[in-house]
Structures are given as structure tokens and as C-alpha cells.
Amino acid sequence: MTTQKKKRKRDIEKNYPVKQFVKKLRRLADCIEQGRKFQIQVAGERISIPATAIINIEHERSDSAEEIEFQLKWLLEKK
């Protein structure tokens, strides 16, 4: 029986050059369209997003800035 190491909570933002960001978006779009999981590495951690992830777009506005977030959310499997 394998023991899974508990992952620490995490909340980071990672900036990417435009070409690298576009490449990641294209890979993501292809996986969504084909119903496949998507894998990405962010700040040194590999993340696997299941094909069943919920996809939404969030818009935030304040007096000094606006923000659009493309979000993918999924539940973690209980071990």
C-alpha cells in the first residue's frame, strides 16, 4: 500500500512571457476540446487537471484595476 504525501496549501501567481502563455493556452484548449486531462507545471509543481474540471471565467473590478481569470476547478480524490 502506497502512502500519499499530503500537499500543502498554495496560492501563487506566475507571470509568463506572451509566447509561452499562448502555447499553454493552446495545449489547454486542445485537451478541453478532446476531453483529455491537462498537465501543467507551475512554479516547479506539476499539476494534473482532469477532463471533468469545471471551467469558468471570473471578472473582478476595483477603482484602480480590472482582472479576468480563466479558472479550472475540480475535487480531489479521497485516498
C-alpha atoms as a PDB file:
ATOM      1  CA  MET A   1       0.000   0.000   0.000  1.00  0.00           C
ATOM      2  CA  THR A   2       1.410   3.400  -1.032  1.00  0.00           C
ATOM      3  CA  THR A   3       1.195   6.396   1.271  1.00  0.00           C
ATOM      4  CA  GLN A   4       0.394   9.667  -0.435  1.00  0.00           C
ATOM      5  CA  LYS A   5       2.211  12.726   0.872  1.00  0.00           C
ATOM      6  CA  LYS A   6      -0.236  15.470   1.895  1.00  0.00           C
ATOM      7  CA  LYS A   7       0.119  18.540  -0.306  1.00  0.00           C
ATOM      8  CA  ARG A   8       0.475  21.927   1.347  1.00  0.00           C
ATOM      9  CA  LYS A   9      -1.992  24.718   0.630  1.00  0.00           C
ATOM     10  CA  ARG A  10      -0.803  27.004  -2.119  1.00  0.00           C
ATOM     11  CA  ASP A  11      -1.859  30.348  -3.613  1.00  0.00           C
ATOM     12  CA  ILE A  12       0.577  31.786  -6.138  1.00  0.00           C
ATOM     13  CA  GLU A  13       0.520  33.802  -9.317  1.00  0.00           C
ATOM     14  CA  LYS A  14       3.076  33.125 -12.018  1.00  0.00           C
ATOM     15  CA  ASN A  15       3.749  35.537 -14.873  1.00  0.00           C
ATOM     16  CA  TYR A  16       4.732  34.159 -18.287  1.00  0.00           C
ATOM     17  CA  PRO A  17       6.060  35.736 -21.479  1.00  0.00           C
ATOM     18  CA  VAL A  18       3.310  36.086 -24.113  1.00  0.00           C
ATOM     19  CA  LYS A  19       4.586  33.281 -26.400  1.00  0.00           C
ATOM     20  CA  GLN A  20       4.850  30.817 -23.510  1.00  0.00           C
ATOM     21  CA  PHE A  21       1.382  31.747 -22.217  1.00  0.00           C
ATOM     22  CA  VAL A  22      -0.171  31.329 -25.671  1.00  0.00           C
ATOM     23  CA  LYS A  23       1.480  27.902 -26.040  1.00  0.00           C
ATOM     24  CA  LYS A  24      -0.007  26.791 -22.697  1.00  0.00           C
ATOM     25  CA  LEU A  25      -3.460  28.117 -23.656  1.00  0.00           C
ATOM     26  CA  ARG A  26      -3.348  26.219 -26.959  1.00  0.00           C
ATOM     27  CA  ARG A  27      -2.423  22.967 -25.188  1.00  0.00           C
ATOM     28  CA  LEU A  28      -5.209  23.569 -22.661  1.00  0.00           C
ATOM     29  CA  ALA A  29      -7.765  24.295 -25.394  1.00  0.00           C
ATOM     30  CA  ASP A  30      -6.779  21.129 -27.275  1.00  0.00           C
ATOM     31  CA  CYS A  31      -7.177  18.993 -24.136  1.00  0.00           C
ATOM     32  CA  ILE A  32     -10.567  20.534 -23.284  1.00  0.00           C
ATOM     33  CA  GLU A  33     -11.803  20.058 -26.843  1.00  0.00           C
ATOM     34  CA  GLN A  34     -10.628  16.421 -26.925  1.00  0.00           C
ATOM     35  CA  GLY A  35     -11.929  15.587 -23.437  1.00  0.00           C
ATOM     36  CA  ARG A  36      -8.442  14.795 -22.109  1.00  0.00           C
ATOM     37  CA  LYS A  37      -6.749  15.708 -18.837  1.00  0.00           C
ATOM     38  CA  PHE A  38      -4.333  18.632 -18.936  1.00  0.00           C
ATOM     39  CA  GLN A  39      -0.942  18.647 -17.244  1.00  0.00           C
ATOM     40  CA  ILE A  40       0.996  21.803 -16.482  1.00  0.00           C
ATOM     41  CA  GLN A  41       3.926  22.783 -14.315  1.00  0.00           C
ATOM     42  CA  VAL A  42       3.528  25.995 -12.301  1.00  0.00           C
ATOM     43  CA  ALA A  43       6.381  27.360 -10.194  1.00  0.00           C
ATOM     44  CA  GLY A  44       8.067  23.956 -10.042  1.00  0.00           C
ATOM     45  CA  GLU A  45       4.998  21.832  -9.251  1.00  0.00           C
ATOM     46  CA  ARG A  46       3.352  19.517 -11.797  1.00  0.00           C
ATOM     47  CA  ILE A  47      -0.429  19.700 -11.741  1.00  0.00           C
ATOM     48  CA  SER A  48      -2.824  17.304 -13.464  1.00  0.00           C
ATOM     49  CA  ILE A  49      -6.245  18.741 -14.291  1.00  0.00           C
ATOM     50  CA  PRO A  50      -8.926  16.129 -15.017  1.00  0.00           C
ATOM     51  CA  ALA A  51     -11.093  16.379 -18.121  1.00  0.00           C
ATOM     52  CA  THR A  52     -14.096  16.709 -15.782  1.00  0.00           C
ATOM     53  CA  ALA A  53     -12.852  20.011 -14.267  1.00  0.00           C
ATOM     54  CA  ILE A  54     -15.392  22.838 -14.092  1.00  0.00           C
ATOM     55  CA  ILE A  55     -14.392  25.751 -16.300  1.00  0.00           C
ATOM     56  CA  ASN A  56     -15.435  29.312 -15.528  1.00  0.00           C
ATOM     57  CA  ILE A  57     -14.406  32.891 -16.160  1.00  0.00           C
ATOM     58  CA  GLU A  58     -14.227  35.388 -13.319  1.00  0.00           C
ATOM     59  CA  HIS A  59     -14.183  39.173 -13.681  1.00  0.00           C
ATOM     60  CA  GLU A  60     -13.112  41.453 -10.839  1.00  0.00           C
ATOM     61  CA  ARG A  61     -13.114  45.250 -10.785  1.00  0.00           C
ATOM     62  CA  SER A  62     -11.837  47.807  -8.296  1.00  0.00           C
ATOM     63  CA  ASP A  63     -11.280  51.553  -8.517  1.00  0.00           C
ATOM     64  CA  SER A  64      -7.764  51.074  -9.871  1.00  0.00           C
ATOM     65  CA  ALA A  65      -7.731  47.757 -11.790  1.00  0.00           C
ATOM     66  CA  GLU A  66      -9.705  45.025 -13.532  1.00  0.00           C
ATOM     67  CA  GLU A  67      -8.936  41.332 -13.723  1.00  0.00           C
ATOM     68  CA  ILE A  68     -10.130  38.361 -15.776  1.00  0.00           C
ATOM     69  CA  GLU A  69      -9.371  34.857 -14.511  1.00  0.00           C
ATOM     70  CA  PHE A  70      -9.889  31.728 -16.560  1.00  0.00           C
ATOM     71  CA  GLN A  71     -10.432  29.090 -13.884  1.00  0.00           C
ATOM     72  CA  LEU A  72     -10.500  25.322 -13.799  1.00  0.00           C
ATOM     73  CA  LYS A  73     -11.784  23.700 -10.603  1.00  0.00           C
ATOM     74  CA  TRP A  74     -12.010  20.057  -9.593  1.00  0.00           C
ATOM     75  CA  LEU A  75     -12.444  17.980  -6.486  1.00  0.00           C
ATOM     76  CA  LEU A  76      -9.559  15.934  -5.164  1.00  0.00           C
ATOM     77  CA  GLU A  77      -9.949  12.192  -4.866  1.00  0.00           C
ATOM     78  CA  LYS A  78     -10.089  10.964  -1.277  1.00  0.00           C
ATOM     79  CA  LYS A  79      -7.467   8.323  -0.566  1.00  0.00           C
END
